Amino acid sequence: MSQTSTCELREEQRLNSQDKERKLRLSLETRVTEDVAVICCKGRIAYGMEAAALSGEIAELAPQTRRVVIDLSGVEMIDAAGLGGLVSVALTAQASQCSVKLAAPGNLIRQLLELTKLTSVFEIHPTLDAATVVSRGQAA
């Protein structure tokens, strides 16, 4: 293989890696229906802007609503900083007397939440509908 081909191959691998990174980043879609705010997460909750984005979203919502459901069905990966972000979410919500429930984590995410004992911090529900129904059933 010539030097040019090797460089082109490395550049192509780098670009493919960047494309994959873009696809895995966190996107948040928030909707408020009646008395429950739902944050749909897609991608990853990881160190840096992604973990901060989720914490920031809760910081804005918590004073305005008493019930938040975080839909994790679209989360592909969560790292230590992402777990720290979830702890931050719990503390921010608690300070505003806001309940936060987690919905529909995939098997690996659920296992990680269990392993780190975050199941004792958050109510975790198998589906978004189940979490929303339970949230609506709470007294204001």
N, C-alpha and C. Protein backbone atom coordinates (compact mmCIF):
# COMPACT_ATOMS: atom_id res chain seq x y z
N MET A 1 0.86 -1.17 0.00
CA MET A 1 0.00 0.00 0.00
C MET A 1 0.90 1.23 0.00
N SER A 2 0.59 2.19 -0.82
CA SER A 2 1.41 3.41 -0.88
C SER A 2 1.09 4.33 0.28
N GLN A 3 1.96 5.29 0.51
CA GLN A 3 1.78 6.25 1.60
C GLN A 3 0.48 7.03 1.41
N THR A 4 0.18 7.42 0.17
CA THR A 4 -1.04 8.17 -0.11
C THR A 4 -2.27 7.34 0.24
N SER A 5 -2.27 6.09 -0.13
CA SER A 5 -3.42 5.22 0.16
C SER A 5 -3.61 5.06 1.66
N THR A 6 -2.52 4.90 2.39
CA THR A 6 -2.60 4.76 3.84
C THR A 6 -3.17 6.02 4.46
N CYS A 7 -2.72 7.18 4.01
CA CYS A 7 -3.24 8.45 4.55
C CYS A 7 -4.71 8.62 4.21
N GLU A 8 -5.09 8.24 2.99
CA GLU A 8 -6.49 8.35 2.60
C GLU A 8 -7.36 7.41 3.44
N LEU A 9 -6.85 6.21 3.68
CA LEU A 9 -7.58 5.26 4.49
C LEU A 9 -7.76 5.77 5.91
N ARG A 10 -6.70 6.32 6.49
CA ARG A 10 -6.81 6.87 7.86
C ARG A 10 -7.79 8.03 7.91
N GLU A 11 -7.74 8.89 6.87
CA GLU A 11 -8.67 10.03 6.84
C GLU A 11 -10.11 9.53 6.73
N GLU A 12 -10.33 8.51 5.91
CA GLU A 12 -11.67 7.94 5.77
C GLU A 12 -12.13 7.33 7.09
N GLN A 13 -11.25 6.64 7.79
CA GLN A 13 -11.60 6.05 9.09
C GLN A 13 -11.92 7.15 10.10
N ARG A 14 -11.14 8.23 10.08
CA ARG A 14 -11.39 9.36 10.98
C ARG A 14 -12.75 9.98 10.70
N LEU A 15 -13.06 10.19 9.42
CA LEU A 15 -14.35 10.77 9.06
C LEU A 15 -15.50 9.84 9.44
N ASN A 16 -15.33 8.53 9.23
CA ASN A 16 -16.36 7.58 9.64
C ASN A 16 -16.56 7.61 11.15
N SER A 17 -15.48 7.74 11.89
CA SER A 17 -15.55 7.83 13.34
C SER A 17 -16.30 9.09 13.76
N GLN A 18 -16.01 10.21 13.08
CA GLN A 18 -16.71 11.46 13.39
C GLN A 18 -18.19 11.35 13.09
N ASP A 19 -18.53 10.69 11.96
CA ASP A 19 -19.95 10.49 11.63
C ASP A 19 -20.63 9.69 12.73
N LYS A 20 -19.98 8.64 13.20
CA LYS A 20 -20.53 7.82 14.27
C LYS A 20 -20.70 8.65 15.53
N GLU A 21 -19.72 9.49 15.86
CA GLU A 21 -19.82 10.36 17.03
C GLU A 21 -21.03 11.27 16.91
N ARG A 22 -21.24 11.87 15.73
CA ARG A 22 -22.38 12.76 15.55
C ARG A 22 -23.69 12.01 15.78
N LYS A 23 -23.78 10.79 15.30
CA LYS A 23 -24.99 10.01 15.45
C LYS A 23 -25.24 9.64 16.91
N LEU A 24 -24.19 9.50 17.70
CA LEU A 24 -24.35 9.06 19.08
C LEU A 24 -24.57 10.20 20.05
N ARG A 25 -24.40 11.43 19.64
CA ARG A 25 -24.57 12.56 20.55
C ARG A 25 -26.01 12.60 21.08
N LEU A 26 -26.19 13.31 22.16
CA LEU A 26 -27.49 13.37 22.81
C LEU A 26 -28.37 14.45 22.19
N SER A 27 -29.59 14.07 21.87
CA SER A 27 -30.59 15.07 21.49
C SER A 27 -31.73 14.95 22.49
N LEU A 28 -32.27 16.08 22.85
CA LEU A 28 -33.36 16.13 23.83
C LEU A 28 -34.59 16.74 23.18
N GLU A 29 -35.71 16.11 23.39
CA GLU A 29 -36.97 16.66 22.94
C GLU A 29 -37.88 16.71 24.15
N THR A 30 -38.29 17.90 24.51
CA THR A 30 -39.12 18.07 25.70
C THR A 30 -40.53 18.47 25.29
N ARG A 31 -41.49 17.80 25.89
CA ARG A 31 -42.88 18.18 25.66
C ARG A 31 -43.60 18.15 27.01
N VAL A 32 -44.46 19.11 27.18
CA VAL A 32 -45.24 19.18 28.41
C VAL A 32 -46.69 18.88 28.03
N THR A 33 -47.21 17.82 28.61
CA THR A 33 -48.59 17.44 28.37
C THR A 33 -49.31 17.45 29.70
N GLU A 34 -50.33 18.25 29.76
CA GLU A 34 -51.09 18.42 30.99
C GLU A 34 -50.15 18.78 32.14
N ASP A 35 -49.97 17.86 33.06
CA ASP A 35 -49.18 18.18 34.25
C ASP A 35 -47.86 17.43 34.34
N VAL A 36 -47.42 16.81 33.22
CA VAL A 36 -46.17 16.05 33.23
C VAL A 36 -45.28 16.52 32.08
N ALA A 37 -44.03 16.80 32.39
CA ALA A 37 -43.05 17.12 31.36
C ALA A 37 -42.30 15.84 31.01
N VAL A 38 -42.17 15.57 29.72
CA VAL A 38 -41.46 14.38 29.25
C VAL A 38 -40.25 14.83 28.45
N ILE A 39 -39.08 14.32 28.84
CA ILE A 39 -37.84 14.59 28.11
C ILE A 39 -37.44 13.30 27.42
N CYS A 40 -37.49 13.32 26.09
CA CYS A 40 -37.08 12.15 25.30
C CYS A 40 -35.61 12.31 24.94
N CYS A 41 -34.79 11.37 25.38
CA CYS A 41 -33.35 11.41 25.12
C CYS A 41 -33.01 10.42 24.02
N LYS A 42 -32.18 10.88 23.08
CA LYS A 42 -31.72 10.00 22.01
C LYS A 42 -30.22 10.18 21.85
N GLY A 43 -29.50 9.07 21.83
CA GLY A 43 -28.05 9.11 21.65
C GLY A 43 -27.33 8.61 22.88
N ARG A 44 -26.49 9.47 23.42
CA ARG A 44 -25.71 9.06 24.58
C ARG A 44 -25.73 10.16 25.64
N ILE A 45 -25.58 9.75 26.88
CA ILE A 45 -25.44 10.69 27.99
C ILE A 45 -24.02 10.48 28.49
N ALA A 46 -23.16 11.41 28.14
CA ALA A 46 -21.74 11.22 28.39
C ALA A 46 -21.10 12.52 28.87
N TYR A 47 -19.81 12.41 29.20
CA TYR A 47 -19.03 13.52 29.69
C TYR A 47 -19.13 14.71 28.76
N GLY A 48 -19.24 15.88 29.33
CA GLY A 48 -19.22 17.11 28.54
C GLY A 48 -20.59 17.68 28.33
N MET A 49 -20.77 18.17 27.11
CA MET A 49 -21.98 18.90 26.77
C MET A 49 -23.25 18.05 26.91
N GLU A 50 -23.14 16.76 26.68
CA GLU A 50 -24.32 15.92 26.71
C GLU A 50 -24.89 15.79 28.12
N ALA A 51 -24.04 15.49 29.07
CA ALA A 51 -24.49 15.38 30.46
C ALA A 51 -24.99 16.73 30.96
N ALA A 52 -24.29 17.80 30.57
CA ALA A 52 -24.69 19.14 30.99
C ALA A 52 -26.02 19.55 30.39
N ALA A 53 -26.29 19.12 29.16
CA ALA A 53 -27.56 19.47 28.50
C ALA A 53 -28.75 18.90 29.26
N LEU A 54 -28.64 17.66 29.69
CA LEU A 54 -29.74 17.04 30.44
C LEU A 54 -29.93 17.73 31.79
N SER A 55 -28.83 18.02 32.47
CA SER A 55 -28.92 18.72 33.76
C SER A 55 -29.54 20.10 33.58
N GLY A 56 -29.15 20.79 32.52
CA GLY A 56 -29.69 22.12 32.24
C GLY A 56 -31.17 22.09 31.94
N GLU A 57 -31.59 21.07 31.22
CA GLU A 57 -33.01 20.93 30.88
C GLU A 57 -33.85 20.75 32.14
N ILE A 58 -33.37 19.94 33.06
CA ILE A 58 -34.08 19.73 34.32
C ILE A 58 -34.07 21.01 35.15
N ALA A 59 -32.95 21.71 35.16
CA ALA A 59 -32.87 22.96 35.92
C ALA A 59 -33.92 23.96 35.45
N GLU A 60 -34.20 23.97 34.14
CA GLU A 60 -35.23 24.87 33.60
C GLU A 60 -36.64 24.37 33.91
N LEU A 61 -36.83 23.06 33.82
CA LEU A 61 -38.18 22.49 33.99
C LEU A 61 -38.63 22.38 35.44
N ALA A 62 -37.72 22.02 36.32
CA ALA A 62 -38.09 21.70 37.71
C ALA A 62 -38.90 22.80 38.40
N PRO A 63 -38.52 24.08 38.27
CA PRO A 63 -39.33 25.10 38.95
C PRO A 63 -40.73 25.27 38.34
N GLN A 64 -40.91 24.83 37.09
CA GLN A 64 -42.17 25.04 36.39
C GLN A 64 -43.15 23.89 36.51
N THR A 65 -42.65 22.70 36.82
CA THR A 65 -43.51 21.53 36.89
C THR A 65 -43.14 20.69 38.10
N ARG A 66 -44.04 19.88 38.54
CA ARG A 66 -43.77 19.02 39.70
C ARG A 66 -43.47 17.59 39.28
N ARG A 67 -43.66 17.29 37.98
CA ARG A 67 -43.48 15.91 37.51
C ARG A 67 -42.73 15.89 36.19
N VAL A 68 -41.64 15.13 36.16
CA VAL A 68 -40.84 14.97 34.95
C VAL A 68 -40.59 13.48 34.72
N VAL A 69 -40.72 13.07 33.48
CA VAL A 69 -40.37 11.71 33.08
C VAL A 69 -39.25 11.83 32.05
N ILE A 70 -38.17 11.10 32.27
CA ILE A 70 -37.06 11.07 31.32
C ILE A 70 -37.14 9.75 30.57
N ASP A 71 -37.41 9.85 29.27
CA ASP A 71 -37.53 8.67 28.42
C ASP A 71 -36.13 8.27 27.94
N LEU A 72 -35.66 7.12 28.41
CA LEU A 72 -34.32 6.64 28.07
C LEU A 72 -34.33 5.61 26.94
N SER A 73 -35.47 5.39 26.30
CA SER A 73 -35.56 4.35 25.28
C SER A 73 -34.60 4.57 24.11
N GLY A 74 -34.25 5.82 23.85
CA GLY A 74 -33.35 6.13 22.74
C GLY A 74 -31.90 6.29 23.15
N VAL A 75 -31.58 6.03 24.42
CA VAL A 75 -30.21 6.20 24.91
C VAL A 75 -29.42 4.92 24.62
N GLU A 76 -28.34 5.09 23.88
CA GLU A 76 -27.50 3.96 23.48
C GLU A 76 -26.36 3.72 24.45
N MET A 77 -25.94 4.78 25.13
CA MET A 77 -24.77 4.66 26.00
C MET A 77 -24.83 5.72 27.08
N ILE A 78 -24.31 5.36 28.24
CA ILE A 78 -24.18 6.32 29.33
C ILE A 78 -22.87 6.02 30.03
N ASP A 79 -22.09 7.07 30.30
CA ASP A 79 -20.80 6.87 30.98
C ASP A 79 -20.88 7.40 32.41
N ALA A 80 -19.75 7.41 33.10
CA ALA A 80 -19.72 7.85 34.50
C ALA A 80 -20.22 9.28 34.66
N ALA A 81 -19.83 10.15 33.74
CA ALA A 81 -20.30 11.55 33.82
C ALA A 81 -21.80 11.62 33.56
N GLY A 82 -22.29 10.76 32.69
CA GLY A 82 -23.73 10.71 32.45
C GLY A 82 -24.48 10.26 33.68
N LEU A 83 -23.93 9.29 34.39
CA LEU A 83 -24.53 8.85 35.66
C LEU A 83 -24.49 9.99 36.67
N GLY A 84 -23.37 10.72 36.70
CA GLY A 84 -23.27 11.89 37.56
C GLY A 84 -24.31 12.94 37.19
N GLY A 85 -24.55 13.08 35.89
CA GLY A 85 -25.58 13.99 35.42
C GLY A 85 -26.96 13.59 35.92
N LEU A 86 -27.22 12.29 35.96
CA LEU A 86 -28.50 11.82 36.49
C LEU A 86 -28.62 12.12 37.98
N VAL A 87 -27.52 11.97 38.71
CA VAL A 87 -27.54 12.33 40.14
C VAL A 87 -27.81 13.82 40.29
N SER A 88 -27.19 14.63 39.45
CA SER A 88 -27.43 16.07 39.46
C SER A 88 -28.90 16.38 39.18
N VAL A 89 -29.47 15.66 38.22
CA VAL A 89 -30.89 15.81 37.90
C VAL A 89 -31.74 15.53 39.14
N ALA A 90 -31.42 14.45 39.85
CA ALA A 90 -32.18 14.09 41.05
C ALA A 90 -32.09 15.18 42.11
N LEU A 91 -30.89 15.71 42.32
CA LEU A 91 -30.70 16.75 43.34
C LEU A 91 -31.42 18.04 42.97
N THR A 92 -31.33 18.44 41.70
CA THR A 92 -32.00 19.65 41.23
C THR A 92 -33.51 19.51 41.38
N ALA A 93 -34.02 18.36 40.98
CA ALA A 93 -35.46 18.13 41.08
C ALA A 93 -35.91 18.13 42.54
N GLN A 94 -35.15 17.46 43.38
CA GLN A 94 -35.50 17.39 44.80
C GLN A 94 -35.55 18.79 45.42
N ALA A 95 -34.60 19.64 45.06
CA ALA A 95 -34.56 21.00 45.61
C ALA A 95 -35.78 21.81 45.18
N SER A 96 -36.37 21.46 44.04
CA SER A 96 -37.55 22.16 43.54
C SER A 96 -38.84 21.40 43.83
N GLN A 97 -38.75 20.36 44.65
CA GLN A 97 -39.89 19.51 44.98
C GLN A 97 -40.56 18.95 43.71
N CYS A 98 -39.72 18.50 42.82
CA CYS A 98 -40.16 17.94 41.55
C CYS A 98 -39.80 16.45 41.53
N SER A 99 -40.72 15.60 41.12
CA SER A 99 -40.40 14.18 41.02
C SER A 99 -39.90 13.87 39.61
N VAL A 100 -38.91 13.00 39.53
CA VAL A 100 -38.36 12.58 38.24
C VAL A 100 -38.42 11.06 38.19
N LYS A 101 -38.99 10.57 37.11
CA LYS A 101 -39.05 9.13 36.88
C LYS A 101 -38.31 8.83 35.59
N LEU A 102 -37.67 7.66 35.55
CA LEU A 102 -36.98 7.23 34.34
C LEU A 102 -37.85 6.19 33.65
N ALA A 103 -37.89 6.27 32.33
CA ALA A 103 -38.75 5.36 31.57
C ALA A 103 -37.96 4.64 30.48
N ALA A 104 -38.28 3.37 30.32
CA ALA A 104 -37.86 2.56 29.19
C ALA A 104 -36.36 2.47 28.92
N PRO A 105 -35.55 2.28 29.97
CA PRO A 105 -34.12 2.10 29.68
C PRO A 105 -33.91 0.74 29.01
N GLY A 106 -32.96 0.68 28.08
CA GLY A 106 -32.60 -0.60 27.48
C GLY A 106 -31.97 -1.50 28.54
N ASN A 107 -31.78 -2.75 28.20
CA ASN A 107 -31.25 -3.71 29.18
C ASN A 107 -29.91 -3.29 29.76
N LEU A 108 -28.98 -2.85 28.91
CA LEU A 108 -27.66 -2.46 29.41
C LEU A 108 -27.73 -1.23 30.31
N ILE A 109 -28.55 -0.27 29.92
CA ILE A 109 -28.71 0.95 30.73
C ILE A 109 -29.35 0.57 32.06
N ARG A 110 -30.35 -0.27 32.02
CA ARG A 110 -31.02 -0.70 33.26
C ARG A 110 -30.04 -1.41 34.19
N GLN A 111 -29.22 -2.30 33.63
CA GLN A 111 -28.23 -3.01 34.44
C GLN A 111 -27.24 -2.04 35.07
N LEU A 112 -26.85 -1.03 34.32
CA LEU A 112 -25.93 -0.03 34.86
C LEU A 112 -26.58 0.76 35.99
N LEU A 113 -27.84 1.12 35.83
CA LEU A 113 -28.56 1.83 36.89
C LEU A 113 -28.68 0.96 38.14
N GLU A 114 -28.90 -0.34 37.95
CA GLU A 114 -28.97 -1.25 39.09
C GLU A 114 -27.61 -1.41 39.76
N LEU A 115 -26.58 -1.59 38.95
CA LEU A 115 -25.22 -1.77 39.46
C LEU A 115 -24.76 -0.57 40.29
N THR A 116 -25.12 0.62 39.85
CA THR A 116 -24.70 1.85 40.54
C THR A 116 -25.68 2.29 41.62
N LYS A 117 -26.71 1.47 41.84
CA LYS A 117 -27.72 1.73 42.88
C LYS A 117 -28.57 2.97 42.60
N LEU A 118 -28.59 3.45 41.36
CA LEU A 118 -29.45 4.59 41.04
C LEU A 118 -30.92 4.19 41.02
N THR A 119 -31.18 2.90 41.09
CA THR A 119 -32.56 2.43 41.21
C THR A 119 -33.16 2.80 42.56
N SER A 120 -32.30 3.13 43.52
CA SER A 120 -32.79 3.59 44.82
C SER A 120 -33.04 5.10 44.82
N VAL A 121 -32.56 5.78 43.79
CA VAL A 121 -32.73 7.23 43.67
C VAL A 121 -33.93 7.56 42.77
N PHE A 122 -34.09 6.78 41.72
CA PHE A 122 -35.14 7.02 40.73
C PHE A 122 -36.13 5.87 40.70
N GLU A 123 -37.39 6.20 40.43
CA GLU A 123 -38.35 5.17 40.05
C GLU A 123 -38.10 4.89 38.58
N ILE A 124 -37.96 3.62 38.24
CA ILE A 124 -37.70 3.25 36.85
C ILE A 124 -38.87 2.40 36.36
N HIS A 125 -39.41 2.80 35.20
CA HIS A 125 -40.58 2.11 34.64
C HIS A 125 -40.22 1.53 33.28
N PRO A 126 -40.83 0.39 32.94
CA PRO A 126 -40.47 -0.28 31.69
C PRO A 126 -40.87 0.46 30.42
N THR A 127 -41.89 1.32 30.52
CA THR A 127 -42.35 2.06 29.34
C THR A 127 -42.60 3.52 29.69
N LEU A 128 -42.63 4.34 28.67
CA LEU A 128 -42.95 5.75 28.87
C LEU A 128 -44.38 5.91 29.36
N ASP A 129 -45.29 5.15 28.79
CA ASP A 129 -46.70 5.22 29.22
C ASP A 129 -46.84 4.90 30.70
N ALA A 130 -46.17 3.84 31.16
CA ALA A 130 -46.26 3.45 32.58
C ALA A 130 -45.73 4.56 33.48
N ALA A 131 -44.62 5.15 33.13
CA ALA A 131 -44.05 6.24 33.95
C ALA A 131 -44.96 7.46 33.96
N THR A 132 -45.56 7.75 32.82
CA THR A 132 -46.46 8.92 32.72
C THR A 132 -47.72 8.70 33.54
N VAL A 133 -48.28 7.51 33.46
CA VAL A 133 -49.50 7.21 34.23
C VAL A 133 -49.21 7.31 35.73
N VAL A 134 -48.10 6.76 36.19
CA VAL A 134 -47.74 6.83 37.61
C VAL A 134 -47.50 8.27 38.02
N SER A 135 -46.85 9.05 37.16
CA SER A 135 -46.60 10.47 37.48
C SER A 135 -47.90 11.24 37.63
N ARG A 136 -48.83 10.98 36.75
CA ARG A 136 -50.13 11.69 36.80
C ARG A 136 -50.93 11.26 38.02
N GLY A 137 -50.70 10.06 38.51
CA GLY A 137 -51.43 9.56 39.67
C GLY A 137 -50.94 10.14 40.99
N GLN A 138 -49.79 10.83 40.95
CA GLN A 138 -49.25 11.42 42.19
C GLN A 138 -50.05 12.63 42.59
N ALA A 139 -50.13 12.86 43.89
CA ALA A 139 -50.77 14.08 44.40
C ALA A 139 -49.88 15.27 44.11
N ALA A 140 -50.48 16.39 43.80
CA ALA A 140 -49.71 17.60 43.48
C ALA A 140 -49.06 18.19 44.68
